[in-house]
PDB file of N, CA and C in Angstrom:
ATOM      1  N   MET A   1     -15.800  -3.017  19.241  1.00  0.00           N
ATOM      2  CA  MET A   1     -16.612  -2.196  20.100  1.00  0.00           C
ATOM      3  C   MET A   1     -15.991  -0.811  20.248  1.00  0.00           C
ATOM      4  N   LEU A   2     -14.672  -0.766  20.380  1.00  0.00           N
ATOM      5  CA  LEU A   2     -13.977   0.513  20.510  1.00  0.00           C
ATOM      6  C   LEU A   2     -14.143   1.354  19.250  1.00  0.00           C
ATOM      7  N   HIS A   3     -14.154   0.681  18.085  1.00  0.00           N
ATOM      8  CA  HIS A   3     -14.295   1.382  16.807  1.00  0.00           C
ATOM      9  C   HIS A   3     -15.619   2.148  16.763  1.00  0.00           C
ATOM     10  N   ASN A   4     -16.698   1.525  17.167  1.00  0.00           N
ATOM     11  CA  ASN A   4     -18.009   2.184  17.156  1.00  0.00           C
ATOM     12  C   ASN A   4     -18.042   3.359  18.122  1.00  0.00           C
ATOM     13  N   THR A   5     -17.401   3.227  19.259  1.00  0.00           N
ATOM     14  CA  THR A   5     -17.376   4.293  20.251  1.00  0.00           C
ATOM     15  C   THR A   5     -16.619   5.504  19.721  1.00  0.00           C
ATOM     16  N   LEU A   6     -15.501   5.269  19.040  1.00  0.00           N
ATOM     17  CA  LEU A   6     -14.715   6.375  18.500  1.00  0.00           C
ATOM     18  C   LEU A   6     -15.480   7.119  17.410  1.00  0.00           C
ATOM     19  N   LEU A   7     -16.179   6.390  16.556  1.00  0.00           N
ATOM     20  CA  LEU A   7     -16.951   7.043  15.496  1.00  0.00           C
ATOM     21  C   LEU A   7     -18.122   7.840  16.065  1.00  0.00           C
ATOM     22  N   ALA A   8     -18.731   7.330  17.114  1.00  0.00           N
ATOM     23  CA  ALA A   8     -19.855   8.028  17.723  1.00  0.00           C
ATOM     24  C   ALA A   8     -19.394   9.310  18.419  1.00  0.00           C
ATOM     25  N   ALA A   9     -18.141   9.314  18.898  1.00  0.00           N
ATOM     26  CA  ALA A   9     -17.627  10.482  19.612  1.00  0.00           C
ATOM     27  C   ALA A   9     -17.255  11.621  18.663  1.00  0.00           C
ATOM     28  N   LEU A  10     -17.029  11.316  17.390  1.00  0.00           N
ATOM     29  CA  LEU A  10     -16.658  12.349  16.426  1.00  0.00           C
ATOM     30  C   LEU A  10     -17.900  13.011  15.853  1.00  0.00           C
ATOM     31  N   GLY A  11     -17.938  14.320  15.970  1.00  0.00           N
ATOM     32  CA  GLY A  11     -19.034  15.074  15.388  1.00  0.00           C
ATOM     33  C   GLY A  11     -18.615  15.687  14.069  1.00  0.00           C
ATOM     34  N   THR A  12     -19.484  16.473  13.495  1.00  0.00           N
ATOM     35  CA  THR A  12     -19.217  17.118  12.215  1.00  0.00           C
ATOM     36  C   THR A  12     -18.038  18.078  12.312  1.00  0.00           C
ATOM     37  N   GLN A  13     -17.974  18.848  13.380  1.00  0.00           N
ATOM     38  CA  GLN A  13     -16.890  19.818  13.534  1.00  0.00           C
ATOM     39  C   GLN A  13     -15.542  19.129  13.670  1.00  0.00           C
ATOM     40  N   GLU A  14     -15.489  18.025  14.420  1.00  0.00           N
ATOM     41  CA  GLU A  14     -14.230  17.308  14.591  1.00  0.00           C
ATOM     42  C   GLU A  14     -13.744  16.728  13.270  1.00  0.00           C
ATOM     43  N   ILE A  15     -14.668  16.177  12.496  1.00  0.00           N
ATOM     44  CA  ILE A  15     -14.306  15.602  11.200  1.00  0.00           C
ATOM     45  C   ILE A  15     -13.792  16.689  10.263  1.00  0.00           C
ATOM     46  N   LEU A  16     -14.428  17.866  10.266  1.00  0.00           N
ATOM     47  CA  LEU A  16     -13.965  18.972   9.425  1.00  0.00           C
ATOM     48  C   LEU A  16     -12.569  19.438   9.835  1.00  0.00           C
ATOM     49  N   VAL A  17     -12.296  19.498  11.127  1.00  0.00           N
ATOM     50  CA  VAL A  17     -10.964  19.894  11.595  1.00  0.00           C
ATOM     51  C   VAL A  17      -9.927  18.883  11.136  1.00  0.00           C
ATOM     52  N   ILE A  18     -10.241  17.598  11.233  1.00  0.00           N
ATOM     53  CA  ILE A  18      -9.310  16.557  10.783  1.00  0.00           C
ATOM     54  C   ILE A  18      -9.047  16.698   9.289  1.00  0.00           C
ATOM     55  N   LEU A  19     -10.092  16.931   8.501  1.00  0.00           N
ATOM     56  CA  LEU A  19      -9.923  17.081   7.052  1.00  0.00           C
ATOM     57  C   LEU A  19      -9.069  18.298   6.704  1.00  0.00           C
ATOM     58  N   VAL A  20      -9.251  19.401   7.420  1.00  0.00           N
ATOM     59  CA  VAL A  20      -8.452  20.602   7.176  1.00  0.00           C
ATOM     60  C   VAL A  20      -6.993  20.348   7.517  1.00  0.00           C
ATOM     61  N   VAL A  21      -6.730  19.652   8.615  1.00  0.00           N
ATOM     62  CA  VAL A  21      -5.350  19.333   8.999  1.00  0.00           C
ATOM     63  C   VAL A  21      -4.700  18.448   7.941  1.00  0.00           C
ATOM     64  N   VAL A  22      -5.426  17.452   7.451  1.00  0.00           N
ATOM     65  CA  VAL A  22      -4.889  16.576   6.404  1.00  0.00           C
ATOM     66  C   VAL A  22      -4.591  17.381   5.145  1.00  0.00           C
ATOM     67  N   LEU A  23      -5.484  18.279   4.791  1.00  0.00           N
ATOM     68  CA  LEU A  23      -5.285  19.124   3.614  1.00  0.00           C
ATOM     69  C   LEU A  23      -4.042  19.997   3.773  1.00  0.00           C
ATOM     70  N   LEU A  24      -3.850  20.549   4.958  1.00  0.00           N
ATOM     71  CA  LEU A  24      -2.674  21.393   5.200  1.00  0.00           C
ATOM     72  C   LEU A  24      -1.387  20.578   5.186  1.00  0.00           C
ATOM     73  N   LEU A  25      -1.420  19.374   5.725  1.00  0.00           N
ATOM     74  CA  LEU A  25      -0.212  18.543   5.783  1.00  0.00           C
ATOM     75  C   LEU A  25       0.218  18.041   4.409  1.00  0.00           C
ATOM     76  N   PHE A  26      -0.734  17.576   3.616  1.00  0.00           N
ATOM     77  CA  PHE A  26      -0.387  16.929   2.353  1.00  0.00           C
ATOM     78  C   PHE A  26      -0.579  17.820   1.137  1.00  0.00           C
ATOM     79  N   GLY A  27      -1.390  18.828   1.222  1.00  0.00           N
ATOM     80  CA  GLY A  27      -1.631  19.700   0.075  1.00  0.00           C
ATOM     81  C   GLY A  27      -2.678  19.117  -0.852  1.00  0.00           C
ATOM     82  N   GLY A  28      -3.287  19.977  -1.622  1.00  0.00           N
ATOM     83  CA  GLY A  28      -4.376  19.570  -2.507  1.00  0.00           C
ATOM     84  C   GLY A  28      -3.961  18.644  -3.632  1.00  0.00           C
ATOM     85  N   LYS A  29      -2.735  18.749  -4.096  1.00  0.00           N
ATOM     86  CA  LYS A  29      -2.288  17.924  -5.222  1.00  0.00           C
ATOM     87  C   LYS A  29      -1.910  16.512  -4.789  1.00  0.00           C
ATOM     88  N   LYS A  30      -1.484  16.360  -3.550  1.00  0.00           N
ATOM     89  CA  LYS A  30      -1.007  15.057  -3.085  1.00  0.00           C
ATOM     90  C   LYS A  30      -2.147  14.142  -2.637  1.00  0.00           C
ATOM     91  N   ILE A  31      -3.259  14.695  -2.206  1.00  0.00           N
ATOM     92  CA  ILE A  31      -4.355  13.883  -1.674  1.00  0.00           C
ATOM     93  C   ILE A  31      -4.938  12.926  -2.722  1.00  0.00           C
ATOM     94  N   PRO A  32      -5.195  13.348  -3.970  1.00  0.00           N
ATOM     95  CA  PRO A  32      -5.699  12.374  -4.958  1.00  0.00           C
ATOM     96  C   PRO A  32      -4.725  11.220  -5.204  1.00  0.00           C
ATOM     97  N   GLU A  33      -3.425  11.508  -5.176  1.00  0.00           N
ATOM     98  CA  GLU A  33      -2.432  10.444  -5.339  1.00  0.00           C
ATOM     99  C   GLU A  33      -2.498   9.463  -4.182  1.00  0.00           C
ATOM    100  N   LEU A  34      -2.651   9.980  -2.968  1.00  0.00           N
ATOM    101  CA  LEU A  34      -2.749   9.113  -1.802  1.00  0.00           C
ATOM    102  C   LEU A  34      -3.996   8.243  -1.862  1.00  0.00           C
ATOM    103  N   MET A  35      -5.115   8.818  -2.250  1.00  0.00           N
ATOM    104  CA  MET A  35      -6.365   8.065  -2.330  1.00  0.00           C
ATOM    105  C   MET A  35      -6.303   7.013  -3.437  1.00  0.00           C
ATOM    106  N   SER A  36      -5.649   7.346  -4.538  1.00  0.00           N
ATOM    107  CA  SER A  36      -5.483   6.383  -5.624  1.00  0.00           C
ATOM    108  C   SER A  36      -4.652   5.192  -5.154  1.00  0.00           C
ATOM    109  N   GLY A  37      -3.576   5.476  -4.465  1.00  0.00           N
ATOM    110  CA  GLY A  37      -2.740   4.405  -3.921  1.00  0.00           C
ATOM    111  C   GLY A  37      -3.493   3.553  -2.915  1.00  0.00           C
ATOM    112  N   LEU A  38      -4.307   4.191  -2.095  1.00  0.00           N
ATOM    113  CA  LEU A  38      -5.106   3.456  -1.118  1.00  0.00           C
ATOM    114  C   LEU A  38      -6.113   2.549  -1.824  1.00  0.00           C
ATOM    115  N   GLY A  39      -6.749   3.057  -2.866  1.00  0.00           N
ATOM    116  CA  GLY A  39      -7.715   2.256  -3.624  1.00  0.00           C
ATOM    117  C   GLY A  39      -7.055   1.052  -4.287  1.00  0.00           C
ATOM    118  N   LYS A  40      -5.872   1.260  -4.854  1.00  0.00           N
ATOM    119  CA  LYS A  40      -5.156   0.143  -5.482  1.00  0.00           C
ATOM    120  C   LYS A  40      -4.761  -0.900  -4.443  1.00  0.00           C
ATOM    121  N   GLY A  41      -4.337  -0.439  -3.280  1.00  0.00           N
ATOM    122  CA  GLY A  41      -3.964  -1.369  -2.214  1.00  0.00           C
ATOM    123  C   GLY A  41      -5.135  -2.202  -1.740  1.00  0.00           C
ATOM    124  N   ILE A  42      -6.291  -1.571  -1.589  1.00  0.00           N
ATOM    125  CA  ILE A  42      -7.489  -2.297  -1.167  1.00  0.00           C
ATOM    126  C   ILE A  42      -7.903  -3.300  -2.231  1.00  0.00           C
ATOM    127  N   ARG A  43      -7.818  -2.886  -3.507  1.00  0.00           N
ATOM    128  CA  ARG A  43      -8.173  -3.788  -4.609  1.00  0.00           C
ATOM    129  C   ARG A  43      -7.253  -5.003  -4.631  1.00  0.00           C
ATOM    130  N   GLU A  44      -5.940  -4.782  -4.477  1.00  0.00           N
ATOM    131  CA  GLU A  44      -4.995  -5.892  -4.470  1.00  0.00           C
ATOM    132  C   GLU A  44      -5.240  -6.813  -3.281  1.00  0.00           C
ATOM    133  N   PHE A  45      -5.550  -6.240  -2.135  1.00  0.00           N
ATOM    134  CA  PHE A  45      -5.843  -7.053  -0.955  1.00  0.00           C
ATOM    135  C   PHE A  45      -7.065  -7.931  -1.202  1.00  0.00           C
ATOM    136  N   ASN A  46      -8.124  -7.349  -1.756  1.00  0.00           N
ATOM    137  CA  ASN A  46      -9.338  -8.128  -2.024  1.00  0.00           C
ATOM    138  C   ASN A  46      -9.082  -9.214  -3.054  1.00  0.00           C
ATOM    139  N   ASN A  47      -8.289  -8.909  -4.081  1.00  0.00           N
ATOM    140  CA  ASN A  47      -7.961  -9.935  -5.076  1.00  0.00           C
ATOM    141  C   ASN A  47      -7.162 -11.066  -4.442  1.00  0.00           C
ATOM    142  N   GLY A  48      -6.216 -10.732  -3.601  1.00  0.00           N
ATOM    143  CA  GLY A  48      -5.438 -11.752  -2.917  1.00  0.00           C
ATOM    144  C   GLY A  48      -6.287 -12.567  -1.961  1.00  0.00           C
ATOM    145  N   LYS A  49      -7.205 -11.906  -1.296  1.00  0.00           N
ATOM    146  CA  LYS A  49      -8.097 -12.579  -0.357  1.00  0.00           C
ATOM    147  C   LYS A  49      -9.007 -13.555  -1.082  1.00  0.00           C
ATOM    148  N   ASP A  50      -9.463 -13.180  -2.255  1.00  0.00           N
ATOM    149  CA  ASP A  50     -10.361 -14.032  -3.032  1.00  0.00           C
ATOM    150  C   ASP A  50      -9.608 -15.098  -3.817  1.00  0.00           C
ATOM    151  N   GLY A  51      -8.285 -15.017  -3.868  1.00  0.00           N
ATOM    152  CA  GLY A  51      -7.501 -16.013  -4.574  1.00  0.00           C
ATOM    153  C   GLY A  51      -7.419 -15.782  -6.067  1.00  0.00           C
ATOM    154  N   VAL A  52      -7.575 -14.560  -6.501  1.00  0.00           N
ATOM    155  CA  VAL A  52      -7.513 -14.243  -7.925  1.00  0.00           C
ATOM    156  C   VAL A  52      -6.162 -13.607  -8.213  1.00  0.00           C
ATOM    157  N   ASP A  53      -5.451 -14.117  -9.206  1.00  0.00           N
ATOM    158  CA  ASP A  53      -4.171 -13.513  -9.546  1.00  0.00           C
ATOM    159  C   ASP A  53      -4.375 -12.327 -10.473  1.00  0.00           C
ATOM    160  N   GLU A  54      -3.310 -11.603 -10.794  1.00  0.00           N
ATOM    161  CA  GLU A  54      -3.424 -10.391 -11.602  1.00  0.00           C
ATOM    162  C   GLU A  54      -3.889 -10.652 -13.027  1.00  0.00           C
ATOM    163  N   ALA A  55      -3.701 -11.875 -13.536  1.00  0.00           N
ATOM    164  CA  ALA A  55      -4.109 -12.190 -14.900  1.00  0.00           C
ATOM    165  C   ALA A  55      -5.624 -12.354 -15.005  1.00  0.00           C
ATOM    166  N   GLY A  56      -6.304 -12.388 -13.870  1.00  0.00           N
ATOM    167  CA  GLY A  56      -7.752 -12.503 -13.902  1.00  0.00           C
ATOM    168  C   GLY A  56      -8.244 -13.929 -13.784  1.00  0.00           C
ATOM    169  N   GLY A  57      -7.341 -14.880 -13.737  1.00  0.00           N
ATOM    170  CA  GLY A  57      -7.741 -16.270 -13.595  1.00  0.00           C
ATOM    171  C   GLY A  57      -7.736 -16.695 -12.148  1.00  0.00           C
ATOM    172  N   LYS A  58      -8.122 -17.915 -11.941  1.00  0.00           N
ATOM    173  CA  LYS A  58      -8.143 -18.445 -10.587  1.00  0.00           C
ATOM    174  C   LYS A  58      -6.751 -18.945 -10.210  1.00  0.00           C
ATOM    175  N   SER A  59      -6.435 -18.889  -8.935  1.00  0.00           N
ATOM    176  CA  SER A  59      -5.153 -19.393  -8.480  1.00  0.00           C
ATOM    177  C   SER A  59      -5.177 -20.918  -8.475  1.00  0.00           C
ATOM    178  N   GLU A  60      -4.009 -21.538  -8.363  1.00  0.00           N
ATOM    179  CA  GLU A  60      -3.921 -22.989  -8.375  1.00  0.00           C
ATOM    180  C   GLU A  60      -4.688 -23.599  -7.217  1.00  0.00           C
ATOM    181  N   GLU A  61      -4.685 -22.928  -6.088  1.00  0.00           N
ATOM    182  CA  GLU A  61      -5.382 -23.437  -4.917  1.00  0.00           C
ATOM    183  C   GLU A  61      -6.876 -23.581  -5.200  1.00  0.00           C
ATOM    184  N   ASN A  62      -7.481 -22.582  -5.842  1.00  0.00           N
ATOM    185  CA  ASN A  62      -8.903 -22.645  -6.140  1.00  0.00           C
ATOM    186  C   ASN A  62      -9.198 -23.673  -7.225  1.00  0.00           C
ATOM    187  N   ILE A  63      -8.305 -23.830  -8.202  1.00  0.00           N
ATOM    188  CA  ILE A  63      -8.518 -24.799  -9.275  1.00  0.00           C
ATOM    189  C   ILE A  63      -8.473 -26.215  -8.710  1.00  0.00           C
ATOM    190  N   ASN A  64      -7.481 -26.480  -7.866  1.00  0.00           N
ATOM    191  CA  ASN A  64      -7.359 -27.800  -7.280  1.00  0.00           C
ATOM    192  C   ASN A  64      -8.513 -28.113  -6.321  1.00  0.00           C
ATOM    193  N   HIS A  65      -9.028 -27.117  -5.693  1.00  0.00           N
ATOM    194  CA  HIS A  65     -10.105 -27.318  -4.746  1.00  0.00           C
ATOM    195  C   HIS A  65     -11.390 -27.735  -5.476  1.00  0.00           C
ATOM    196  N   LYS A  66     -11.648 -27.206  -6.660  1.00  0.00           N
ATOM    197  CA  LYS A  66     -12.863 -27.514  -7.393  1.00  0.00           C
ATOM    198  C   LYS A  66     -12.811 -28.873  -8.073  1.00  0.00           C
ATOM    199  N   VAL A  67     -11.620 -29.407  -8.315  1.00  0.00           N
ATOM    200  CA  VAL A  67     -11.484 -30.677  -9.041  1.00  0.00           C
ATOM    201  C   VAL A  67     -11.826 -31.836  -8.196  1.00  0.00           C
TER     202      VAL A  67
END
């Protein structure tokens, strides 16, 4: 509930100010690296959540569950 309230309180101007501050803190070259790392982290989390290992196969837990 708090999450929805915070998003509703932010307007376009506030979001632009936050983006400018982030740009000033990290610089234009560092932001793509940060976003890439964030994307990889989310992907790994989802793979772990779904029980898929890095090789693309199913984990032992899922194999044993289907048998």
